[in-house]
Amino acid sequence: MRSRPGRIAAIVVGVIALLIGGLWIGQGLNLIRGSTMTGDRTWFYIGIVVAILGIVLLVLGLRRAGGRPTTRAD
């Protein structure tokens, strides 16, 4: 990801996905009450997937743009 807006978008979406995934994990494990999702293990597994995707987006967004420098023989 090389463009600044793309990196910022990846970071924002990654944070949101990580927070939502954490919420769903908590509800699936019956740690957060007050929803029809509470105690349903399905939401635990969905939350894990969403949280992992959030982490991947955060890593991609926080990596330096460009990676390794390239050398050109002109």
Protein backbone atom coordinates (compact mmCIF):
# COMPACT_ATOMS: atom_id res chain seq x y z
CA MET A 1 0.00 0.00 0.00
CA ARG A 2 1.77 3.12 -1.17
CA SER A 3 -0.71 5.97 -1.08
CA ARG A 4 -1.26 7.86 2.14
CA PRO A 5 -5.09 7.84 1.86
CA GLY A 6 -5.03 4.08 1.25
CA ARG A 7 -2.87 3.51 4.31
CA ILE A 8 -5.09 5.73 6.46
CA ALA A 9 -8.20 3.90 5.25
CA ALA A 10 -6.61 0.52 6.04
CA ILE A 11 -5.73 1.70 9.55
CA VAL A 12 -9.22 3.07 10.24
CA VAL A 13 -11.02 -0.01 8.89
CA GLY A 14 -8.52 -2.24 10.72
CA VAL A 15 -9.19 -0.56 14.07
CA ILE A 16 -12.95 -0.78 13.55
CA ALA A 17 -12.73 -4.46 12.55
CA LEU A 18 -10.54 -5.23 15.55
CA LEU A 19 -12.96 -3.53 17.95
CA ILE A 20 -16.03 -5.21 16.46
CA GLY A 21 -14.25 -8.56 16.42
CA GLY A 22 -13.34 -8.14 20.08
CA LEU A 23 -16.94 -7.28 20.93
CA TRP A 24 -18.23 -10.36 19.11
CA ILE A 25 -15.64 -12.56 20.79
CA GLY A 26 -16.78 -11.25 24.17
CA GLN A 27 -20.43 -11.85 23.35
CA GLY A 28 -19.74 -15.31 21.98
CA LEU A 29 -17.92 -16.26 25.18
CA ASN A 30 -20.79 -14.88 27.29
CA LEU A 31 -18.56 -12.15 28.76
CA ILE A 32 -20.67 -9.28 27.38
CA ARG A 33 -24.38 -9.64 28.06
CA GLY A 34 -27.44 -7.95 26.65
CA SER A 35 -27.73 -9.31 23.13
CA THR A 36 -29.15 -12.28 21.30
CA MET A 37 -25.52 -13.00 20.34
CA THR A 38 -24.57 -13.56 24.00
CA GLY A 39 -23.43 -17.10 24.65
CA ASP A 40 -23.62 -18.15 20.98
CA ARG A 41 -20.25 -19.69 20.03
CA THR A 42 -20.85 -18.82 16.38
CA TRP A 43 -20.16 -15.17 17.19
CA PHE A 44 -16.97 -16.16 18.96
CA TYR A 45 -15.63 -17.73 15.75
CA ILE A 46 -16.87 -14.90 13.54
CA GLY A 47 -15.27 -12.42 15.95
CA ILE A 48 -11.91 -14.19 15.71
CA VAL A 49 -11.98 -13.97 11.89
CA VAL A 50 -12.98 -10.29 11.94
CA ALA A 51 -10.32 -9.45 14.55
CA ILE A 52 -7.61 -11.22 12.53
CA LEU A 53 -8.65 -9.31 9.42
CA GLY A 54 -8.45 -6.11 11.44
CA ILE A 55 -4.92 -6.95 12.55
CA VAL A 56 -3.88 -7.70 8.97
CA LEU A 57 -5.27 -4.36 7.79
CA LEU A 58 -3.49 -2.55 10.61
CA VAL A 59 -0.17 -4.17 9.74
CA LEU A 60 -0.60 -3.31 6.07
CA GLY A 61 -1.56 0.25 6.88
CA LEU A 62 1.26 0.82 9.33
CA ARG A 63 4.02 -0.61 7.16
CA ARG A 64 6.26 1.93 5.51
CA ALA A 65 5.34 2.72 1.94
CA GLY A 66 7.63 1.41 -0.75
CA GLY A 67 9.32 -1.49 0.98
CA ARG A 68 12.84 -2.22 -0.25
CA PRO A 69 14.53 0.36 -2.41
CA THR A 70 15.04 -0.65 -6.01
CA THR A 71 18.17 -0.01 -7.97
CA ARG A 72 18.03 0.86 -11.62
CA ALA A 73 20.88 0.56 -14.05
CA ASP A 74 20.36 3.46 -16.39
